[in-house]
């Protein structure tokens, strides 16, 4: 599933698409409120399964975000990818 959140962009400006590698409605909403145009592309499910749960919450969150971002970037090499993860400790 992909969806797009857009805001007005000045005429004549062309940028690489920005992808949000997340299924989080909250992250999409925050970007929309900031006026950031982003295409939502949930990462493949196997991306997060590659992350070992050992390490500090910070290390686990960074590893999960990196895995999601890289997996999404492989799907869309033409785009910039924004990925994040949250760990509740």
PDB file of N, CA and C in Angstrom:
ATOM      1  N   UNK A   1       0.840  -1.169   0.000  1.00  0.00           N
ATOM      2  CA  UNK A   1       0.000   0.000   0.000  1.00  0.00           C
ATOM      3  C   UNK A   1       0.891   1.240   0.000  1.00  0.00           C
ATOM      4  N   UNK A   2       0.640   2.132  -0.893  1.00  0.00           N
ATOM      5  CA  UNK A   2       1.339   3.415  -0.914  1.00  0.00           C
ATOM      6  C   UNK A   2       0.299   4.512  -0.983  1.00  0.00           C
ATOM      7  N   UNK A   3       0.579   5.586  -0.313  1.00  0.00           N
ATOM      8  CA  UNK A   3      -0.278   6.756  -0.399  1.00  0.00           C
ATOM      9  C   UNK A   3       0.618   7.969  -0.392  1.00  0.00           C
ATOM     10  N   UNK A   4       0.066   9.097  -0.755  1.00  0.00           N
ATOM     11  CA  UNK A   4       0.887  10.293  -0.850  1.00  0.00           C
ATOM     12  C   UNK A   4       0.253  11.422  -0.068  1.00  0.00           C
ATOM     13  N   UNK A   5       1.085  12.124   0.656  1.00  0.00           N
ATOM     14  CA  UNK A   5       0.687  13.336   1.351  1.00  0.00           C
ATOM     15  C   UNK A   5       1.396  14.454   0.625  1.00  0.00           C
ATOM     16  N   UNK A   6       0.670  15.470   0.237  1.00  0.00           N
ATOM     17  CA  UNK A   6       1.349  16.521  -0.508  1.00  0.00           C
ATOM     18  C   UNK A   6       1.005  17.893   0.041  1.00  0.00           C
ATOM     19  N   UNK A   7       1.867  18.815  -0.241  1.00  0.00           N
ATOM     20  CA  UNK A   7       1.635  20.215   0.056  1.00  0.00           C
ATOM     21  C   UNK A   7       1.973  20.976  -1.202  1.00  0.00           C
ATOM     22  N   UNK A   8       1.636  22.222  -1.255  1.00  0.00           N
ATOM     23  CA  UNK A   8       1.940  23.026  -2.426  1.00  0.00           C
ATOM     24  C   UNK A   8       3.449  23.161  -2.559  1.00  0.00           C
ATOM     25  N   UNK A   9       3.934  22.995  -3.749  1.00  0.00           N
ATOM     26  CA  UNK A   9       5.363  23.128  -4.023  1.00  0.00           C
ATOM     27  C   UNK A   9       5.544  24.253  -5.030  1.00  0.00           C
ATOM     28  N   UNK A  10       6.521  25.124  -4.822  1.00  0.00           N
ATOM     29  CA  UNK A  10       6.733  26.219  -5.763  1.00  0.00           C
ATOM     30  C   UNK A  10       6.966  25.712  -7.178  1.00  0.00           C
ATOM     31  N   UNK A  11       6.412  26.417  -8.156  1.00  0.00           N
ATOM     32  CA  UNK A  11       6.556  26.037  -9.557  1.00  0.00           C
ATOM     33  C   UNK A  11       8.027  26.044  -9.957  1.00  0.00           C
ATOM     34  N   UNK A  12       8.374  25.115 -10.813  1.00  0.00           N
ATOM     35  CA  UNK A  12       9.728  25.072 -11.332  1.00  0.00           C
ATOM     36  C   UNK A  12      10.720  24.322 -10.468  1.00  0.00           C
ATOM     37  N   UNK A  13      10.312  23.842  -9.322  1.00  0.00           N
ATOM     38  CA  UNK A  13      11.229  23.097  -8.449  1.00  0.00           C
ATOM     39  C   UNK A  13      10.971  21.609  -8.625  1.00  0.00           C
ATOM     40  N   UNK A  14      11.997  20.874  -8.938  1.00  0.00           N
ATOM     41  CA  UNK A  14      11.875  19.433  -9.116  1.00  0.00           C
ATOM     42  C   UNK A  14      12.859  18.750  -8.180  1.00  0.00           C
ATOM     43  N   UNK A  15      12.346  17.841  -7.400  1.00  0.00           N
ATOM     44  CA  UNK A  15      13.159  17.149  -6.414  1.00  0.00           C
ATOM     45  C   UNK A  15      12.937  15.652  -6.545  1.00  0.00           C
ATOM     46  N   UNK A  16      13.880  14.912  -6.009  1.00  0.00           N
ATOM     47  CA  UNK A  16      13.665  13.477  -5.890  1.00  0.00           C
ATOM     48  C   UNK A  16      12.535  13.263  -4.894  1.00  0.00           C
ATOM     49  N   UNK A  17      11.689  12.267  -5.114  1.00  0.00           N
ATOM     50  CA  UNK A  17      10.611  12.017  -4.157  1.00  0.00           C
ATOM     51  C   UNK A  17      11.174  11.639  -2.786  1.00  0.00           C
ATOM     52  N   UNK A  18      10.469  12.045  -1.745  1.00  0.00           N
ATOM     53  CA  UNK A  18      10.815  11.673  -0.376  1.00  0.00           C
ATOM     54  C   UNK A  18       9.853  10.586   0.060  1.00  0.00           C
ATOM     55  N   UNK A  19      10.397   9.451   0.462  1.00  0.00           N
ATOM     56  CA  UNK A  19       9.577   8.332   0.921  1.00  0.00           C
ATOM     57  C   UNK A  19       9.655   8.226   2.429  1.00  0.00           C
ATOM     58  N   UNK A  20       8.521   7.963   3.044  1.00  0.00           N
ATOM     59  CA  UNK A  20       8.478   7.658   4.466  1.00  0.00           C
ATOM     60  C   UNK A  20       8.380   6.144   4.580  1.00  0.00           C
ATOM     61  N   UNK A  21       9.438   5.512   5.045  1.00  0.00           N
ATOM     62  CA  UNK A  21       9.484   4.055   5.171  1.00  0.00           C
ATOM     63  C   UNK A  21       8.830   3.661   6.488  1.00  0.00           C
ATOM     64  N   UNK A  22       7.519   3.831   6.536  1.00  0.00           N
ATOM     65  CA  UNK A  22       6.793   3.596   7.778  1.00  0.00           C
ATOM     66  C   UNK A  22       5.311   3.439   7.489  1.00  0.00           C
ATOM     67  N   UNK A  23       4.660   2.634   8.295  1.00  0.00           N
ATOM     68  CA  UNK A  23       3.206   2.517   8.218  1.00  0.00           C
ATOM     69  C   UNK A  23       2.554   3.336   9.330  1.00  0.00           C
ATOM     70  N   UNK A  24       3.344   4.150  10.009  1.00  0.00           N
ATOM     71  CA  UNK A  24       2.858   4.920  11.150  1.00  0.00           C
ATOM     72  C   UNK A  24       2.024   6.122  10.712  1.00  0.00           C
ATOM     73  N   UNK A  25       0.748   6.129  11.047  1.00  0.00           N
ATOM     74  CA  UNK A  25      -0.073   7.291  10.701  1.00  0.00           C
ATOM     75  C   UNK A  25       0.396   8.552  11.427  1.00  0.00           C
ATOM     76  N   UNK A  26       0.937   8.403  12.612  1.00  0.00           N
ATOM     77  CA  UNK A  26       1.415   9.553  13.382  1.00  0.00           C
ATOM     78  C   UNK A  26       2.596  10.237  12.692  1.00  0.00           C
ATOM     79  N   UNK A  27       3.555   9.451  12.211  1.00  0.00           N
ATOM     80  CA  UNK A  27       4.696  10.040  11.510  1.00  0.00           C
ATOM     81  C   UNK A  27       4.246  10.751  10.234  1.00  0.00           C
ATOM     82  N   UNK A  28       3.333  10.138   9.513  1.00  0.00           N
ATOM     83  CA  UNK A  28       2.812  10.765   8.294  1.00  0.00           C
ATOM     84  C   UNK A  28       2.102  12.071   8.635  1.00  0.00           C
ATOM     85  N   UNK A  29       1.314  12.062   9.693  1.00  0.00           N
ATOM     86  CA  UNK A  29       0.581  13.263  10.105  1.00  0.00           C
ATOM     87  C   UNK A  29       1.546  14.383  10.495  1.00  0.00           C
ATOM     88  N   UNK A  30       2.589  14.041  11.260  1.00  0.00           N
ATOM     89  CA  UNK A  30       3.568  15.049  11.671  1.00  0.00           C
ATOM     90  C   UNK A  30       4.240  15.699  10.467  1.00  0.00           C
ATOM     91  N   UNK A  31       4.613  14.896   9.489  1.00  0.00           N
ATOM     92  CA  UNK A  31       5.230  15.454   8.285  1.00  0.00           C
ATOM     93  C   UNK A  31       4.240  16.324   7.515  1.00  0.00           C
ATOM     94  N   UNK A  32       3.005  15.867   7.424  1.00  0.00           N
ATOM     95  CA  UNK A  32       1.969  16.647   6.739  1.00  0.00           C
ATOM     96  C   UNK A  32       1.776  17.993   7.433  1.00  0.00           C
ATOM     97  N   UNK A  33       1.728  17.998   8.744  1.00  0.00           N
ATOM     98  CA  UNK A  33       1.547  19.237   9.495  1.00  0.00           C
ATOM     99  C   UNK A  33       2.720  20.195   9.290  1.00  0.00           C
ATOM    100  N   UNK A  34       3.905  19.644   9.019  1.00  0.00           N
ATOM    101  CA  UNK A  34       5.082  20.468   8.773  1.00  0.00           C
ATOM    102  C   UNK A  34       5.163  20.920   7.315  1.00  0.00           C
ATOM    103  N   UNK A  35       4.207  20.485   6.499  1.00  0.00           N
ATOM    104  CA  UNK A  35       4.189  20.884   5.096  1.00  0.00           C
ATOM    105  C   UNK A  35       5.154  20.103   4.224  1.00  0.00           C
ATOM    106  N   UNK A  36       5.569  18.926   4.686  1.00  0.00           N
ATOM    107  CA  UNK A  36       6.517  18.107   3.937  1.00  0.00           C
ATOM    108  C   UNK A  36       5.754  17.167   3.011  1.00  0.00           C
ATOM    109  N   UNK A  37       6.122  17.199   1.744  1.00  0.00           N
ATOM    110  CA  UNK A  37       5.504  16.302   0.774  1.00  0.00           C
ATOM    111  C   UNK A  37       6.227  14.960   0.853  1.00  0.00           C
ATOM    112  N   UNK A  38       5.494  13.905   1.108  1.00  0.00           N
ATOM    113  CA  UNK A  38       6.104  12.594   1.320  1.00  0.00           C
ATOM    114  C   UNK A  38       5.183  11.510   0.768  1.00  0.00           C
ATOM    115  N   UNK A  39       5.807  10.487   0.238  1.00  0.00           N
ATOM    116  CA  UNK A  39       5.070   9.312  -0.218  1.00  0.00           C
ATOM    117  C   UNK A  39       5.265   8.225   0.828  1.00  0.00           C
ATOM    118  N   UNK A  40       4.188   7.658   1.297  1.00  0.00           N
ATOM    119  CA  UNK A  40       4.263   6.642   2.345  1.00  0.00           C
ATOM    120  C   UNK A  40       4.444   5.273   1.702  1.00  0.00           C
ATOM    121  N   UNK A  41       5.551   4.627   2.038  1.00  0.00           N
ATOM    122  CA  UNK A  41       5.859   3.302   1.508  1.00  0.00           C
ATOM    123  C   UNK A  41       6.260   2.414   2.681  1.00  0.00           C
ATOM    124  N   UNK A  42       5.321   1.640   3.216  1.00  0.00           N
ATOM    125  CA  UNK A  42       5.690   0.750   4.320  1.00  0.00           C
ATOM    126  C   UNK A  42       6.795  -0.207   3.876  1.00  0.00           C
ATOM    127  N   UNK A  43       7.811  -0.397   4.714  1.00  0.00           N
ATOM    128  CA  UNK A  43       8.911  -1.287   4.338  1.00  0.00           C
ATOM    129  C   UNK A  43       8.441  -2.735   4.265  1.00  0.00           C
ATOM    130  N   UNK A  44       9.166  -3.564   3.524  1.00  0.00           N
ATOM    131  CA  UNK A  44       8.814  -4.981   3.479  1.00  0.00           C
ATOM    132  C   UNK A  44       8.849  -5.579   4.886  1.00  0.00           C
ATOM    133  N   UNK A  45       7.934  -6.481   5.208  1.00  0.00           N
ATOM    134  CA  UNK A  45       7.873  -7.061   6.564  1.00  0.00           C
ATOM    135  C   UNK A  45       9.179  -7.717   7.003  1.00  0.00           C
ATOM    136  N   UNK A  46       9.918  -8.278   6.072  1.00  0.00           N
ATOM    137  CA  UNK A  46      11.147  -8.972   6.449  1.00  0.00           C
ATOM    138  C   UNK A  46      12.252  -8.019   6.893  1.00  0.00           C
ATOM    139  N   UNK A  47      12.122  -6.744   6.599  1.00  0.00           N
ATOM    140  CA  UNK A  47      13.156  -5.766   6.966  1.00  0.00           C
ATOM    141  C   UNK A  47      13.379  -5.729   8.475  1.00  0.00           C
ATOM    142  N   UNK A  48      12.317  -5.676   9.232  1.00  0.00           N
ATOM    143  CA  UNK A  48      12.448  -5.572  10.690  1.00  0.00           C
ATOM    144  C   UNK A  48      12.845  -6.900  11.324  1.00  0.00           C
ATOM    145  N   UNK A  49      12.550  -7.993  10.659  1.00  0.00           N
ATOM    146  CA  UNK A  49      12.890  -9.307  11.202  1.00  0.00           C
ATOM    147  C   UNK A  49      14.396  -9.537  11.226  1.00  0.00           C
ATOM    148  N   UNK A  50      15.142  -8.733  10.481  1.00  0.00           N
ATOM    149  CA  UNK A  50      16.595  -8.884  10.419  1.00  0.00           C
ATOM    150  C   UNK A  50      17.289  -8.255  11.625  1.00  0.00           C
ATOM    151  N   UNK A  51      16.547  -7.539  12.456  1.00  0.00           N
ATOM    152  CA  UNK A  51      17.133  -6.812  13.580  1.00  0.00           C
ATOM    153  C   UNK A  51      17.142  -7.693  14.821  1.00  0.00           C
ATOM    154  N   UNK A  52      18.329  -7.881  15.394  1.00  0.00           N
ATOM    155  CA  UNK A  52      18.452  -8.658  16.624  1.00  0.00           C
ATOM    156  C   UNK A  52      17.963  -7.816  17.802  1.00  0.00           C
ATOM    157  N   UNK A  53      17.170  -8.388  18.700  1.00  0.00           N
ATOM    158  CA  UNK A  53      16.612  -7.620  19.808  1.00  0.00           C
ATOM    159  C   UNK A  53      17.587  -7.350  20.951  1.00  0.00           C
ATOM    160  N   UNK A  54      18.849  -7.758  20.793  1.00  0.00           N
ATOM    161  CA  UNK A  54      19.812  -7.477  21.862  1.00  0.00           C
ATOM    162  C   UNK A  54      20.438  -6.106  21.645  1.00  0.00           C
ATOM    163  N   UNK A  55      20.880  -5.503  22.700  1.00  0.00           N
ATOM    164  CA  UNK A  55      21.424  -4.153  22.639  1.00  0.00           C
ATOM    165  C   UNK A  55      20.523  -3.198  23.393  1.00  0.00           C
ATOM    166  N   UNK A  56      20.970  -1.981  23.506  1.00  0.00           N
ATOM    167  CA  UNK A  56      20.175  -0.970  24.209  1.00  0.00           C
ATOM    168  C   UNK A  56      18.957  -0.609  23.356  1.00  0.00           C
ATOM    169  N   UNK A  57      17.926  -0.024  23.967  1.00  0.00           N
ATOM    170  CA  UNK A  57      16.766   0.409  23.171  1.00  0.00           C
ATOM    171  C   UNK A  57      17.174   1.334  22.018  1.00  0.00           C
ATOM    172  N   UNK A  58      18.138   2.214  22.271  1.00  0.00           N
ATOM    173  CA  UNK A  58      18.616   3.117  21.204  1.00  0.00           C
ATOM    174  C   UNK A  58      19.229   2.330  20.051  1.00  0.00           C
ATOM    175  N   UNK A  59      20.064   1.349  20.371  1.00  0.00           N
ATOM    176  CA  UNK A  59      20.710   0.544  19.327  1.00  0.00           C
ATOM    177  C   UNK A  59      19.687  -0.254  18.523  1.00  0.00           C
ATOM    178  N   UNK A  60      18.703  -0.800  19.210  1.00  0.00           N
ATOM    179  CA  UNK A  60      17.664  -1.586  18.531  1.00  0.00           C
ATOM    180  C   UNK A  60      16.842  -0.684  17.611  1.00  0.00           C
ATOM    181  N   UNK A  61      16.466   0.495  18.098  1.00  0.00           N
ATOM    182  CA  UNK A  61      15.676   1.427  17.278  1.00  0.00           C
ATOM    183  C   UNK A  61      16.464   1.888  16.056  1.00  0.00           C
ATOM    184  N   UNK A  62      17.751   2.202  16.244  1.00  0.00           N
ATOM    185  CA  UNK A  62      18.584   2.617  15.114  1.00  0.00           C
ATOM    186  C   UNK A  62      18.746   1.492  14.092  1.00  0.00           C
ATOM    187  N   UNK A  63      18.965   0.278  14.571  1.00  0.00           N
ATOM    188  CA  UNK A  63      19.126  -0.862  13.663  1.00  0.00           C
ATOM    189  C   UNK A  63      17.834  -1.126  12.885  1.00  0.00           C
ATOM    190  N   UNK A  64      16.698  -1.025  13.563  1.00  0.00           N
ATOM    191  CA  UNK A  64      15.414  -1.247  12.890  1.00  0.00           C
ATOM    192  C   UNK A  64      15.142  -0.154  11.855  1.00  0.00           C
ATOM    193  N   UNK A  65      15.416   1.090  12.202  1.00  0.00           N
ATOM    194  CA  UNK A  65      15.221   2.193  11.254  1.00  0.00           C
ATOM    195  C   UNK A  65      16.138   2.024  10.047  1.00  0.00           C
ATOM    196  N   UNK A  66      17.370   1.657  10.296  1.00  0.00           N
ATOM    197  CA  UNK A  66      18.323   1.447   9.194  1.00  0.00           C
ATOM    198  C   UNK A  66      17.845   0.319   8.280  1.00  0.00           C
ATOM    199  N   UNK A  67      17.393  -0.794   8.859  1.00  0.00           N
ATOM    200  CA  UNK A  67      16.918  -1.934   8.064  1.00  0.00           C
ATOM    201  C   UNK A  67      15.704  -1.538   7.220  1.00  0.00           C
ATOM    202  N   UNK A  68      14.772  -0.810   7.823  1.00  0.00           N
ATOM    203  CA  UNK A  68      13.584  -0.368   7.088  1.00  0.00           C
ATOM    204  C   UNK A  68      13.964   0.587   5.960  1.00  0.00           C
ATOM    205  N   UNK A  69      14.840   1.520   6.271  1.00  0.00           N
ATOM    206  CA  UNK A  69      15.253   2.501   5.265  1.00  0.00           C
ATOM    207  C   UNK A  69      15.973   1.861   4.090  1.00  0.00           C
ATOM    208  N   UNK A  70      16.903   0.961   4.375  1.00  0.00           N
ATOM    209  CA  UNK A  70      17.639   0.299   3.302  1.00  0.00           C
ATOM    210  C   UNK A  70      16.734  -0.585   2.446  1.00  0.00           C
ATOM    211  N   UNK A  71      15.820  -1.305   3.081  1.00  0.00           N
ATOM    212  CA  UNK A  71      14.897  -2.162   2.330  1.00  0.00           C
ATOM    213  C   UNK A  71      14.001  -1.323   1.422  1.00  0.00           C
ATOM    214  N   UNK A  72      13.539  -0.194   1.921  1.00  0.00           N
ATOM    215  CA  UNK A  72      12.685   0.683   1.120  1.00  0.00           C
ATOM    216  C   UNK A  72      13.485   1.333  -0.003  1.00  0.00           C
ATOM    217  N   UNK A  73      14.717   1.721   0.278  1.00  0.00           N
ATOM    218  CA  UNK A  73      15.575   2.333  -0.740  1.00  0.00           C
ATOM    219  C   UNK A  73      15.843   1.362  -1.888  1.00  0.00           C
ATOM    220  N   UNK A  74      15.939   0.084  -1.587  1.00  0.00           N
ATOM    221  CA  UNK A  74      16.147  -0.905  -2.656  1.00  0.00           C
ATOM    222  C   UNK A  74      14.930  -0.977  -3.576  1.00  0.00           C
ATOM    223  N   UNK A  75      13.754  -0.739  -3.019  1.00  0.00           N
ATOM    224  CA  UNK A  75      12.534  -0.754  -3.832  1.00  0.00           C
ATOM    225  C   UNK A  75      12.438   0.474  -4.737  1.00  0.00           C
ATOM    226  N   UNK A  76      12.962   1.609  -4.258  1.00  0.00           N
ATOM    227  CA  UNK A  76      12.848   2.875  -4.984  1.00  0.00           C
ATOM    228  C   UNK A  76      14.183   3.618  -4.980  1.00  0.00           C
ATOM    229  N   UNK A  77      15.149   3.179  -5.791  1.00  0.00           N
ATOM    230  CA  UNK A  77      16.459   3.827  -5.794  1.00  0.00           C
ATOM    231  C   UNK A  77      16.435   5.267  -6.300  1.00  0.00           C
ATOM    232  N   UNK A  78      15.333   5.694  -6.883  1.00  0.00           N
ATOM    233  CA  UNK A  78      15.204   7.065  -7.394  1.00  0.00           C
ATOM    234  C   UNK A  78      14.866   8.067  -6.299  1.00  0.00           C
ATOM    235  N   UNK A  79      14.545   7.587  -5.116  1.00  0.00           N
ATOM    236  CA  UNK A  79      13.988   8.456  -4.074  1.00  0.00           C
ATOM    237  C   UNK A  79      14.910   8.591  -2.872  1.00  0.00           C
ATOM    238  N   UNK A  80      14.640   9.627  -2.082  1.00  0.00           N
ATOM    239  CA  UNK A  80      15.244   9.783  -0.760  1.00  0.00           C
ATOM    240  C   UNK A  80      14.325   9.065   0.221  1.00  0.00           C
ATOM    241  N   UNK A  81      14.898   8.449   1.234  1.00  0.00           N
ATOM    242  CA  UNK A  81      14.097   7.656   2.169  1.00  0.00           C
ATOM    243  C   UNK A  81      14.287   8.167   3.583  1.00  0.00           C
ATOM    244  N   UNK A  82      13.179   8.341   4.276  1.00  0.00           N
ATOM    245  CA  UNK A  82      13.161   8.712   5.688  1.00  0.00           C
ATOM    246  C   UNK A  82      12.602   7.516   6.449  1.00  0.00           C
ATOM    247  N   UNK A  83      13.377   7.001   7.397  1.00  0.00           N
ATOM    248  CA  UNK A  83      12.945   5.859   8.191  1.00  0.00           C
ATOM    249  C   UNK A  83      13.176   6.146   9.663  1.00  0.00           C
ATOM    250  N   UNK A  84      12.326   5.595  10.498  1.00  0.00           N
ATOM    251  CA  UNK A  84      12.445   5.776  11.945  1.00  0.00           C
ATOM    252  C   UNK A  84      11.868   4.554  12.628  1.00  0.00           C
ATOM    253  N   UNK A  85      12.200   4.408  13.885  1.00  0.00           N
ATOM    254  CA  UNK A  85      11.616   3.327  14.677  1.00  0.00           C
ATOM    255  C   UNK A  85      11.568   3.781  16.132  1.00  0.00           C
ATOM    256  N   UNK A  86      10.668   3.191  16.861  1.00  0.00           N
ATOM    257  CA  UNK A  86      10.490   3.498  18.270  1.00  0.00           C
ATOM    258  C   UNK A  86      10.567   2.196  19.064  1.00  0.00           C
ATOM    259  N   UNK A  87      11.261   2.251  20.182  1.00  0.00           N
ATOM    260  CA  UNK A  87      11.324   1.109  21.082  1.00  0.00           C
ATOM    261  C   UNK A  87      10.814   1.583  22.431  1.00  0.00           C
ATOM    262  N   UNK A  88       9.849   0.869  22.979  1.00  0.00           N
ATOM    263  CA  UNK A  88       9.344   1.191  24.303  1.00  0.00           C
ATOM    264  C   UNK A  88      10.086   0.304  25.286  1.00  0.00           C
ATOM    265  N   UNK A  89      10.816   0.954  26.184  1.00  0.00           N
ATOM    266  CA  UNK A  89      11.628   0.180  27.142  1.00  0.00           C
ATOM    267  C   UNK A  89      11.057   0.293  28.534  1.00  0.00           C
TER     268      UNK A  89
END
